[in-house]
Amino acid sequence: MAAPLIYFSTVSLDGYREDADGRFDWSSPDEEVHGFINELFAPVTLHLYGRRNHDIMMFWDETSPDELEGASREWGRYWNGVDKVIYSRTLTETPMRRARLRADFDIDEVRRWKAESDAPIGIGGGELASVAARAGVVDELHMIVTPTLLGGGTPYLDHGIRRELELLDERRFAGGSVYLRYRIA
């Protein structure tokens, strides 16, 4: 059985992963949510990211886990041990640990990784996940919905993607956020 490709993002209640200015500071997880995210990703050994997520996630390469506390420290340790594939037409190299660069998102390569993996594969960034969803290689959608309305911004997935979903899991957090996990039918 092929490993699932999982798209995860934090979103506002009205479905945006970034506000109209491209910011996502409204979505910073509290300790409870961050701990849950750590558990969620623990089995994932490969992450696929575009250029923007690469730049955001460089924080975890540039910051020693020993400088962090709690769930952030745990994530920093996890991050240092997993493989990453970064899709960018502008980067020619990256200082990110355990990262490989690709200029283009190769659907056949992703299918091969899924077929060969025993562990789930994560994909981050709505633009990259939208390409993968259109190609039919995304298996699950995971989101933390925050108690925030943004009124506009960058959607969780691009407009025009239509799929039937099956709810697999849900969880409420003390701070008002809700986790949702769907399988693409």
N, C-alpha and C. Protein backbone atom coordinates (compact mmCIF):
# COMPACT_ATOMS: atom_id res chain seq x y z
N MET A 1 0.84 -1.19 0.00
CA MET A 1 0.00 0.00 0.00
C MET A 1 0.88 1.25 0.00
N ALA A 2 0.54 2.19 -0.82
CA ALA A 2 1.32 3.43 -0.94
C ALA A 2 1.16 4.29 0.29
N ALA A 3 2.23 4.99 0.63
CA ALA A 3 2.18 5.94 1.75
C ALA A 3 1.30 7.11 1.37
N PRO A 4 0.54 7.65 2.33
CA PRO A 4 -0.30 8.80 2.00
C PRO A 4 0.52 10.08 1.90
N LEU A 5 0.11 10.95 0.98
CA LEU A 5 0.65 12.30 0.88
C LEU A 5 -0.34 13.20 1.61
N ILE A 6 0.15 13.88 2.64
CA ILE A 6 -0.69 14.65 3.55
C ILE A 6 -0.38 16.14 3.42
N TYR A 7 -1.43 16.92 3.14
CA TYR A 7 -1.29 18.37 3.13
C TYR A 7 -1.82 18.90 4.45
N PHE A 8 -0.98 19.67 5.14
CA PHE A 8 -1.35 20.28 6.42
C PHE A 8 -1.13 21.78 6.34
N SER A 9 -2.07 22.51 6.94
CA SER A 9 -1.89 23.95 7.10
C SER A 9 -2.80 24.43 8.21
N THR A 10 -2.42 25.54 8.80
CA THR A 10 -3.30 26.26 9.70
C THR A 10 -4.11 27.22 8.85
N VAL A 11 -5.41 27.34 9.14
CA VAL A 11 -6.27 28.21 8.35
C VAL A 11 -7.18 29.01 9.26
N SER A 12 -7.61 30.15 8.74
CA SER A 12 -8.63 30.93 9.43
C SER A 12 -9.98 30.24 9.24
N LEU A 13 -10.95 30.62 10.03
CA LEU A 13 -12.28 30.02 9.91
C LEU A 13 -12.87 30.24 8.52
N ASP A 14 -12.50 31.33 7.86
CA ASP A 14 -13.00 31.57 6.51
C ASP A 14 -12.09 31.00 5.42
N GLY A 15 -11.14 30.12 5.80
CA GLY A 15 -10.42 29.31 4.84
C GLY A 15 -9.13 29.85 4.25
N TYR A 16 -8.50 30.81 4.93
CA TYR A 16 -7.26 31.38 4.40
C TYR A 16 -6.06 30.94 5.22
N ARG A 17 -4.94 30.68 4.54
CA ARG A 17 -3.70 30.31 5.24
C ARG A 17 -2.78 31.50 5.43
N GLU A 18 -3.03 32.58 4.70
CA GLU A 18 -2.32 33.85 4.87
C GLU A 18 -3.34 34.96 4.76
N ASP A 19 -3.08 36.08 5.44
CA ASP A 19 -4.00 37.21 5.30
C ASP A 19 -3.73 37.94 3.98
N ALA A 20 -4.45 39.02 3.73
CA ALA A 20 -4.34 39.76 2.47
C ALA A 20 -2.95 40.34 2.25
N ASP A 21 -2.17 40.52 3.34
CA ASP A 21 -0.80 41.04 3.24
C ASP A 21 0.24 39.92 3.19
N GLY A 22 -0.20 38.66 3.11
CA GLY A 22 0.73 37.54 3.06
C GLY A 22 1.27 37.12 4.42
N ARG A 23 0.68 37.64 5.49
CA ARG A 23 1.15 37.32 6.85
C ARG A 23 0.36 36.14 7.41
N PHE A 24 1.02 35.43 8.31
CA PHE A 24 0.37 34.31 8.98
C PHE A 24 0.64 34.33 10.48
N ASP A 25 1.06 35.48 11.01
CA ASP A 25 1.37 35.59 12.44
C ASP A 25 0.14 35.34 13.31
N TRP A 26 -1.03 35.48 12.78
CA TRP A 26 -2.28 35.21 13.49
C TRP A 26 -2.46 33.71 13.78
N SER A 27 -1.66 32.88 13.13
CA SER A 27 -1.86 31.43 13.22
C SER A 27 -0.84 30.71 14.10
N SER A 28 -0.02 31.44 14.84
CA SER A 28 0.99 30.79 15.67
C SER A 28 0.33 29.86 16.69
N PRO A 29 0.76 28.59 16.71
CA PRO A 29 0.11 27.64 17.62
C PRO A 29 0.54 27.85 19.07
N ASP A 30 -0.39 27.63 19.99
CA ASP A 30 -0.03 27.63 21.40
C ASP A 30 0.63 26.29 21.72
N GLU A 31 1.05 26.10 22.95
CA GLU A 31 1.79 24.89 23.34
C GLU A 31 0.97 23.62 23.10
N GLU A 32 -0.32 23.66 23.40
CA GLU A 32 -1.16 22.48 23.20
C GLU A 32 -1.24 22.10 21.72
N VAL A 33 -1.50 23.08 20.87
CA VAL A 33 -1.62 22.81 19.44
C VAL A 33 -0.27 22.40 18.85
N HIS A 34 0.80 23.08 19.28
CA HIS A 34 2.13 22.73 18.75
C HIS A 34 2.51 21.30 19.14
N GLY A 35 2.20 20.90 20.36
CA GLY A 35 2.45 19.52 20.78
C GLY A 35 1.69 18.52 19.93
N PHE A 36 0.44 18.85 19.61
CA PHE A 36 -0.38 18.00 18.76
C PHE A 36 0.23 17.89 17.37
N ILE A 37 0.67 19.01 16.81
CA ILE A 37 1.30 19.01 15.49
C ILE A 37 2.55 18.12 15.50
N ASN A 38 3.32 18.20 16.58
CA ASN A 38 4.50 17.33 16.71
C ASN A 38 4.10 15.86 16.64
N GLU A 39 3.05 15.49 17.36
CA GLU A 39 2.56 14.10 17.33
C GLU A 39 2.08 13.71 15.94
N LEU A 40 1.38 14.63 15.30
CA LEU A 40 0.83 14.38 13.98
C LEU A 40 1.94 14.07 12.97
N PHE A 41 3.03 14.84 13.04
CA PHE A 41 4.11 14.68 12.06
C PHE A 41 5.17 13.67 12.48
N ALA A 42 5.12 13.14 13.67
CA ALA A 42 6.16 12.22 14.14
C ALA A 42 6.45 11.08 13.15
N PRO A 43 5.45 10.47 12.52
CA PRO A 43 5.77 9.38 11.58
C PRO A 43 6.25 9.85 10.21
N VAL A 44 6.13 11.14 9.90
CA VAL A 44 6.50 11.66 8.58
C VAL A 44 8.02 11.79 8.50
N THR A 45 8.62 11.21 7.47
CA THR A 45 10.08 11.26 7.32
C THR A 45 10.52 12.05 6.10
N LEU A 46 9.56 12.54 5.30
CA LEU A 46 9.86 13.33 4.12
C LEU A 46 8.84 14.45 4.01
N HIS A 47 9.34 15.67 3.82
CA HIS A 47 8.49 16.85 3.62
C HIS A 47 8.78 17.47 2.27
N LEU A 48 7.73 17.87 1.56
CA LEU A 48 7.84 18.53 0.27
C LEU A 48 7.39 19.98 0.45
N TYR A 49 8.24 20.93 0.04
CA TYR A 49 7.94 22.35 0.23
C TYR A 49 8.31 23.15 -1.01
N GLY A 50 7.59 24.23 -1.20
CA GLY A 50 7.95 25.21 -2.22
C GLY A 50 8.91 26.23 -1.63
N ARG A 51 9.26 27.21 -2.42
CA ARG A 51 10.26 28.22 -2.02
C ARG A 51 9.83 29.02 -0.80
N ARG A 52 8.58 29.46 -0.76
CA ARG A 52 8.13 30.29 0.37
C ARG A 52 8.19 29.50 1.68
N ASN A 53 7.71 28.27 1.67
CA ASN A 53 7.80 27.46 2.89
C ASN A 53 9.24 27.15 3.25
N HIS A 54 10.09 26.97 2.26
CA HIS A 54 11.51 26.78 2.52
C HIS A 54 12.05 27.94 3.35
N ASP A 55 11.74 29.16 2.89
CA ASP A 55 12.25 30.34 3.58
C ASP A 55 11.70 30.45 5.00
N ILE A 56 10.44 30.12 5.17
CA ILE A 56 9.82 30.15 6.51
C ILE A 56 10.44 29.08 7.40
N MET A 57 10.61 27.89 6.88
CA MET A 57 11.11 26.77 7.68
C MET A 57 12.61 26.85 7.95
N MET A 58 13.32 27.76 7.29
CA MET A 58 14.75 27.93 7.57
C MET A 58 14.97 28.31 9.04
N PHE A 59 13.97 28.91 9.67
CA PHE A 59 14.08 29.23 11.10
C PHE A 59 14.53 28.00 11.89
N TRP A 60 13.95 26.84 11.56
CA TRP A 60 14.24 25.62 12.32
C TRP A 60 15.64 25.10 12.04
N ASP A 61 16.23 25.46 10.92
CA ASP A 61 17.61 25.10 10.63
C ASP A 61 18.59 26.07 11.27
N GLU A 62 18.17 27.31 11.38
CA GLU A 62 19.04 28.36 11.91
C GLU A 62 19.01 28.48 13.43
N THR A 63 18.04 27.84 14.05
CA THR A 63 17.87 27.93 15.50
C THR A 63 18.13 26.57 16.13
N SER A 64 19.04 26.53 17.07
CA SER A 64 19.32 25.28 17.77
C SER A 64 18.12 24.91 18.65
N PRO A 65 17.70 23.64 18.63
CA PRO A 65 16.62 23.22 19.50
C PRO A 65 16.89 23.56 20.98
N ASP A 66 18.16 23.58 21.35
CA ASP A 66 18.51 23.89 22.74
C ASP A 66 18.15 25.32 23.14
N GLU A 67 17.94 26.20 22.14
CA GLU A 67 17.54 27.59 22.41
C GLU A 67 16.02 27.71 22.59
N LEU A 68 15.31 26.63 22.34
CA LEU A 68 13.85 26.64 22.37
C LEU A 68 13.34 25.87 23.58
N GLU A 69 12.04 25.98 23.81
CA GLU A 69 11.43 25.28 24.95
C GLU A 69 10.21 24.49 24.49
N GLY A 70 9.86 23.51 25.29
CA GLY A 70 8.62 22.77 25.10
C GLY A 70 8.46 22.16 23.72
N ALA A 71 7.26 22.35 23.17
CA ALA A 71 6.92 21.77 21.87
C ALA A 71 7.81 22.31 20.75
N SER A 72 8.24 23.55 20.86
CA SER A 72 9.14 24.11 19.85
C SER A 72 10.48 23.38 19.85
N ARG A 73 10.98 23.07 21.03
CA ARG A 73 12.23 22.31 21.12
C ARG A 73 12.07 20.92 20.49
N GLU A 74 10.95 20.28 20.80
CA GLU A 74 10.69 18.96 20.21
C GLU A 74 10.63 19.03 18.69
N TRP A 75 9.93 20.06 18.17
CA TRP A 75 9.84 20.21 16.71
C TRP A 75 11.22 20.46 16.11
N GLY A 76 12.03 21.30 16.74
CA GLY A 76 13.37 21.58 16.24
C GLY A 76 14.21 20.31 16.13
N ARG A 77 14.11 19.44 17.11
CA ARG A 77 14.84 18.18 17.06
C ARG A 77 14.32 17.28 15.94
N TYR A 78 13.00 17.23 15.83
CA TYR A 78 12.38 16.45 14.76
C TYR A 78 12.84 16.97 13.39
N TRP A 79 12.75 18.29 13.21
CA TRP A 79 13.07 18.92 11.93
C TRP A 79 14.49 18.60 11.47
N ASN A 80 15.41 18.56 12.40
CA ASN A 80 16.80 18.27 12.05
C ASN A 80 17.00 16.85 11.53
N GLY A 81 16.06 15.95 11.80
CA GLY A 81 16.23 14.55 11.43
C GLY A 81 15.42 14.07 10.25
N VAL A 82 14.63 14.95 9.61
CA VAL A 82 13.80 14.50 8.50
C VAL A 82 14.34 15.03 7.17
N ASP A 83 14.00 14.30 6.11
CA ASP A 83 14.40 14.71 4.77
C ASP A 83 13.39 15.70 4.21
N LYS A 84 13.90 16.59 3.34
CA LYS A 84 13.06 17.60 2.70
C LYS A 84 13.40 17.67 1.22
N VAL A 85 12.38 17.94 0.43
CA VAL A 85 12.58 18.25 -0.99
C VAL A 85 11.98 19.63 -1.19
N ILE A 86 12.79 20.53 -1.72
CA ILE A 86 12.39 21.92 -1.93
C ILE A 86 12.24 22.15 -3.43
N TYR A 87 11.08 22.66 -3.82
CA TYR A 87 10.81 22.96 -5.22
C TYR A 87 10.97 24.45 -5.45
N SER A 88 11.95 24.80 -6.29
CA SER A 88 12.21 26.20 -6.58
C SER A 88 12.95 26.32 -7.89
N ARG A 89 12.54 27.28 -8.69
CA ARG A 89 13.25 27.57 -9.94
C ARG A 89 14.29 28.66 -9.74
N THR A 90 14.32 29.26 -8.55
CA THR A 90 15.27 30.35 -8.30
C THR A 90 16.42 29.94 -7.38
N LEU A 91 16.20 28.99 -6.49
CA LEU A 91 17.30 28.52 -5.63
C LEU A 91 18.22 27.59 -6.40
N THR A 92 19.51 27.78 -6.22
CA THR A 92 20.48 26.86 -6.80
C THR A 92 21.13 26.00 -5.73
N GLU A 93 20.99 26.43 -4.48
CA GLU A 93 21.46 25.65 -3.33
C GLU A 93 20.70 26.12 -2.11
N THR A 94 20.76 25.30 -1.06
CA THR A 94 20.10 25.64 0.19
C THR A 94 20.98 25.18 1.36
N PRO A 95 21.05 25.98 2.41
CA PRO A 95 21.78 25.53 3.60
C PRO A 95 20.94 24.61 4.48
N MET A 96 19.68 24.38 4.10
CA MET A 96 18.79 23.56 4.92
C MET A 96 19.33 22.13 5.02
N ARG A 97 19.38 21.63 6.24
CA ARG A 97 19.85 20.26 6.47
C ARG A 97 18.93 19.25 5.81
N ARG A 98 19.53 18.21 5.26
CA ARG A 98 18.81 17.07 4.70
C ARG A 98 17.82 17.48 3.63
N ALA A 99 18.16 18.52 2.87
CA ALA A 99 17.25 19.03 1.83
C ALA A 99 17.84 18.82 0.44
N ARG A 100 16.97 18.45 -0.48
CA ARG A 100 17.32 18.33 -1.89
C ARG A 100 16.48 19.35 -2.65
N LEU A 101 17.06 19.92 -3.69
CA LEU A 101 16.35 20.89 -4.52
C LEU A 101 15.86 20.23 -5.80
N ARG A 102 14.67 20.66 -6.22
CA ARG A 102 14.11 20.28 -7.51
C ARG A 102 13.56 21.54 -8.15
N ALA A 103 13.78 21.71 -9.45
CA ALA A 103 13.24 22.88 -10.15
C ALA A 103 11.75 22.72 -10.40
N ASP A 104 11.30 21.50 -10.65
CA ASP A 104 9.90 21.26 -11.00
C ASP A 104 9.31 20.14 -10.15
N PHE A 105 8.03 20.25 -9.91
CA PHE A 105 7.29 19.24 -9.18
C PHE A 105 6.97 18.10 -10.13
N ASP A 106 7.61 16.97 -9.94
CA ASP A 106 7.48 15.81 -10.81
C ASP A 106 6.48 14.83 -10.19
N ILE A 107 5.29 14.76 -10.75
CA ILE A 107 4.23 13.92 -10.21
C ILE A 107 4.66 12.45 -10.18
N ASP A 108 5.34 11.98 -11.22
CA ASP A 108 5.78 10.58 -11.25
C ASP A 108 6.78 10.29 -10.14
N GLU A 109 7.66 11.25 -9.86
CA GLU A 109 8.62 11.08 -8.77
C GLU A 109 7.89 10.98 -7.43
N VAL A 110 6.88 11.83 -7.23
CA VAL A 110 6.10 11.79 -5.99
C VAL A 110 5.36 10.46 -5.87
N ARG A 111 4.79 10.00 -6.96
CA ARG A 111 4.11 8.69 -6.94
C ARG A 111 5.10 7.57 -6.56
N ARG A 112 6.32 7.66 -7.09
CA ARG A 112 7.33 6.64 -6.78
C ARG A 112 7.70 6.69 -5.29
N TRP A 113 7.89 7.92 -4.74
CA TRP A 113 8.20 8.04 -3.31
C TRP A 113 7.08 7.46 -2.47
N LYS A 114 5.84 7.74 -2.85
CA LYS A 114 4.70 7.20 -2.11
C LYS A 114 4.70 5.67 -2.15
N ALA A 115 4.98 5.11 -3.32
CA ALA A 115 4.97 3.65 -3.48
C ALA A 115 6.10 2.99 -2.69
N GLU A 116 7.22 3.69 -2.53
CA GLU A 116 8.39 3.11 -1.88
C GLU A 116 8.45 3.39 -0.38
N SER A 117 7.62 4.28 0.12
CA SER A 117 7.71 4.69 1.51
C SER A 117 6.80 3.87 2.43
N ASP A 118 7.29 3.64 3.63
CA ASP A 118 6.48 3.03 4.67
C ASP A 118 5.85 4.09 5.57
N ALA A 119 6.25 5.34 5.38
CA ALA A 119 5.81 6.43 6.25
C ALA A 119 5.05 7.47 5.44
N PRO A 120 4.11 8.16 6.08
CA PRO A 120 3.42 9.24 5.38
C PRO A 120 4.41 10.30 4.90
N ILE A 121 4.03 11.01 3.86
CA ILE A 121 4.83 12.10 3.31
C ILE A 121 4.04 13.39 3.49
N GLY A 122 4.69 14.43 3.96
CA GLY A 122 4.03 15.71 4.16
C GLY A 122 4.28 16.65 3.01
N ILE A 123 3.28 17.46 2.70
CA ILE A 123 3.45 18.50 1.69
C ILE A 123 2.96 19.80 2.30
N GLY A 124 3.75 20.85 2.18
CA GLY A 124 3.41 22.13 2.78
C GLY A 124 3.34 23.22 1.74
N GLY A 125 2.42 24.13 1.96
CA GLY A 125 2.24 25.25 1.04
C GLY A 125 1.07 24.99 0.11
N GLY A 126 0.11 25.87 0.12
CA GLY A 126 -1.10 25.68 -0.65
C GLY A 126 -0.89 25.63 -2.14
N GLU A 127 0.07 26.39 -2.64
CA GLU A 127 0.32 26.38 -4.08
C GLU A 127 0.83 25.02 -4.54
N LEU A 128 1.83 24.50 -3.84
CA LEU A 128 2.37 23.18 -4.17
C LEU A 128 1.33 22.09 -3.94
N ALA A 129 0.61 22.18 -2.82
CA ALA A 129 -0.42 21.19 -2.53
C ALA A 129 -1.54 21.24 -3.57
N SER A 130 -1.84 22.42 -4.10
CA SER A 130 -2.86 22.54 -5.14
C SER A 130 -2.44 21.82 -6.41
N VAL A 131 -1.18 21.96 -6.78
CA VAL A 131 -0.66 21.24 -7.95
C VAL A 131 -0.79 19.73 -7.72
N ALA A 132 -0.40 19.30 -6.53
CA ALA A 132 -0.47 17.87 -6.20
C ALA A 132 -1.92 17.38 -6.14
N ALA A 133 -2.82 18.19 -5.61
CA ALA A 133 -4.24 17.80 -5.53
C ALA A 133 -4.85 17.68 -6.93
N ARG A 134 -4.52 18.63 -7.79
CA ARG A 134 -5.03 18.56 -9.17
C ARG A 134 -4.54 17.29 -9.88
N ALA A 135 -3.31 16.87 -9.54
CA ALA A 135 -2.73 15.67 -10.16
C ALA A 135 -3.22 14.38 -9.51
N GLY A 136 -3.97 14.51 -8.42
CA GLY A 136 -4.53 13.34 -7.76
C GLY A 136 -3.58 12.58 -6.85
N VAL A 137 -2.50 13.23 -6.38
CA VAL A 137 -1.56 12.52 -5.51
C VAL A 137 -1.70 12.87 -4.03
N VAL A 138 -2.51 13.87 -3.70
CA VAL A 138 -2.76 14.18 -2.28
C VAL A 138 -3.83 13.23 -1.78
N ASP A 139 -3.56 12.58 -0.66
CA ASP A 139 -4.48 11.60 -0.10
C ASP A 139 -5.29 12.12 1.07
N GLU A 140 -4.66 13.00 1.87
CA GLU A 140 -5.34 13.51 3.05
C GLU A 140 -5.11 15.01 3.19
N LEU A 141 -6.13 15.68 3.73
CA LEU A 141 -6.06 17.10 4.04
C LEU A 141 -6.21 17.25 5.55
N HIS A 142 -5.23 17.91 6.17
CA HIS A 142 -5.25 18.16 7.60
C HIS A 142 -5.20 19.66 7.80
N MET A 143 -5.96 20.15 8.75
CA MET A 143 -5.93 21.58 9.03
C MET A 143 -6.24 21.84 10.49
N ILE A 144 -5.61 22.90 10.98
CA ILE A 144 -5.97 23.47 12.27
C ILE A 144 -6.73 24.75 11.93
N VAL A 145 -8.01 24.78 12.24
CA VAL A 145 -8.83 25.95 11.97
C VAL A 145 -8.77 26.84 13.22
N THR A 146 -8.33 28.07 13.02
CA THR A 146 -8.19 29.00 14.15
C THR A 146 -9.45 29.85 14.28
N PRO A 147 -9.73 30.33 15.48
CA PRO A 147 -10.90 31.19 15.68
C PRO A 147 -10.61 32.62 15.22
N THR A 148 -10.36 32.74 13.92
CA THR A 148 -10.00 34.02 13.30
C THR A 148 -10.71 34.14 11.97
N LEU A 149 -11.24 35.32 11.68
CA LEU A 149 -11.77 35.63 10.36
C LEU A 149 -10.83 36.65 9.72
N LEU A 150 -10.35 36.36 8.51
CA LEU A 150 -9.42 37.26 7.84
C LEU A 150 -10.09 38.09 6.76
N GLY A 151 -11.19 37.62 6.21
CA GLY A 151 -11.90 38.39 5.20
C GLY A 151 -11.25 38.38 3.83
N GLY A 152 -10.18 37.65 3.68
CA GLY A 152 -9.48 37.56 2.40
C GLY A 152 -8.04 37.16 2.61
N GLY A 153 -7.40 36.77 1.54
CA GLY A 153 -6.01 36.36 1.62
C GLY A 153 -5.75 35.20 0.69
N THR A 154 -4.82 34.34 1.08
CA THR A 154 -4.44 33.18 0.28
C THR A 154 -5.22 31.97 0.77
N PRO A 155 -6.00 31.33 -0.10
CA PRO A 155 -6.83 30.21 0.35
C PRO A 155 -6.02 28.97 0.69
N TYR A 156 -6.62 28.11 1.50
CA TYR A 156 -6.03 26.83 1.89
C TYR A 156 -5.57 26.05 0.66
N LEU A 157 -6.43 25.94 -0.33
CA LEU A 157 -6.10 25.39 -1.65
C LEU A 157 -6.62 26.36 -2.70
N ASP A 158 -6.03 26.31 -3.89
CA ASP A 158 -6.47 27.19 -4.97
C ASP A 158 -7.94 26.96 -5.29
N HIS A 159 -8.58 27.98 -5.78
CA HIS A 159 -9.97 27.87 -6.22
C HIS A 159 -10.04 26.92 -7.42
N GLY A 160 -11.16 26.26 -7.55
CA GLY A 160 -11.38 25.39 -8.69
C GLY A 160 -11.06 23.92 -8.44
N ILE A 161 -10.54 23.60 -7.26
CA ILE A 161 -10.27 22.20 -6.94
C ILE A 161 -11.50 21.65 -6.23
N ARG A 162 -12.07 20.62 -6.81
CA ARG A 162 -13.29 20.04 -6.23
C ARG A 162 -13.07 18.55 -6.01
N ARG A 163 -13.24 18.11 -4.77
CA ARG A 163 -13.08 16.71 -4.41
C ARG A 163 -14.09 16.38 -3.31
N GLU A 164 -14.55 15.15 -3.30
CA GLU A 164 -15.37 14.66 -2.19
C GLU A 164 -14.41 14.24 -1.07
N LEU A 165 -14.81 14.53 0.16
CA LEU A 165 -13.95 14.25 1.31
C LEU A 165 -14.67 13.38 2.33
N GLU A 166 -13.89 12.59 3.04
CA GLU A 166 -14.41 11.77 4.14
C GLU A 166 -13.71 12.20 5.43
N LEU A 167 -14.49 12.63 6.41
CA LEU A 167 -13.93 13.05 7.69
C LEU A 167 -13.37 11.84 8.43
N LEU A 168 -12.07 11.91 8.79
CA LEU A 168 -11.42 10.82 9.51
C LEU A 168 -11.20 11.13 10.98
N ASP A 169 -11.02 12.41 11.31
CA ASP A 169 -10.70 12.76 12.69
C ASP A 169 -11.00 14.24 12.91
N GLU A 170 -11.23 14.57 14.16
CA GLU A 170 -11.45 15.95 14.57
C GLU A 170 -11.05 16.08 16.03
N ARG A 171 -10.66 17.29 16.40
CA ARG A 171 -10.26 17.53 17.80
C ARG A 171 -10.40 19.02 18.11
N ARG A 172 -10.92 19.30 19.28
CA ARG A 172 -11.03 20.68 19.76
C ARG A 172 -9.90 20.97 20.73
N PHE A 173 -9.41 22.21 20.70
CA PHE A 173 -8.35 22.65 21.60
C PHE A 173 -8.89 23.73 22.52
N ALA A 174 -8.29 23.84 23.69
CA ALA A 174 -8.75 24.78 24.71
C ALA A 174 -8.78 26.22 24.21
N GLY A 175 -7.86 26.59 23.33
CA GLY A 175 -7.78 27.96 22.83
C GLY A 175 -8.80 28.29 21.75
N GLY A 176 -9.64 27.32 21.37
CA GLY A 176 -10.68 27.57 20.38
C GLY A 176 -10.38 27.05 19.00
N SER A 177 -9.17 26.55 18.75
CA SER A 177 -8.84 25.97 17.45
C SER A 177 -9.44 24.58 17.34
N VAL A 178 -9.62 24.12 16.10
CA VAL A 178 -10.17 22.81 15.82
C VAL A 178 -9.29 22.14 14.76
N TYR A 179 -8.97 20.86 15.00
CA TYR A 179 -8.23 20.06 14.03
C TYR A 179 -9.22 19.24 13.22
N LEU A 180 -9.02 19.21 11.89
CA LEU A 180 -9.84 18.40 11.00
C LEU A 180 -8.92 17.59 10.09
N ARG A 181 -9.27 16.32 9.92
CA ARG A 181 -8.51 15.43 9.04
C ARG A 181 -9.49 14.77 8.08
N TYR A 182 -9.23 14.94 6.79
CA TYR A 182 -10.09 14.36 5.76
C TYR A 182 -9.27 13.48 4.82
N ARG A 183 -9.90 12.42 4.34
CA ARG A 183 -9.35 11.62 3.26
C ARG A 183 -10.04 12.09 1.99
N ILE A 184 -9.26 12.20 0.93
CA ILE A 184 -9.85 12.54 -0.36
C ILE A 184 -10.46 11.27 -0.94
N ALA A 185 -11.77 11.32 -1.21
CA ALA A 185 -12.49 10.14 -1.67
C ALA A 185 -12.16 9.82 -3.11
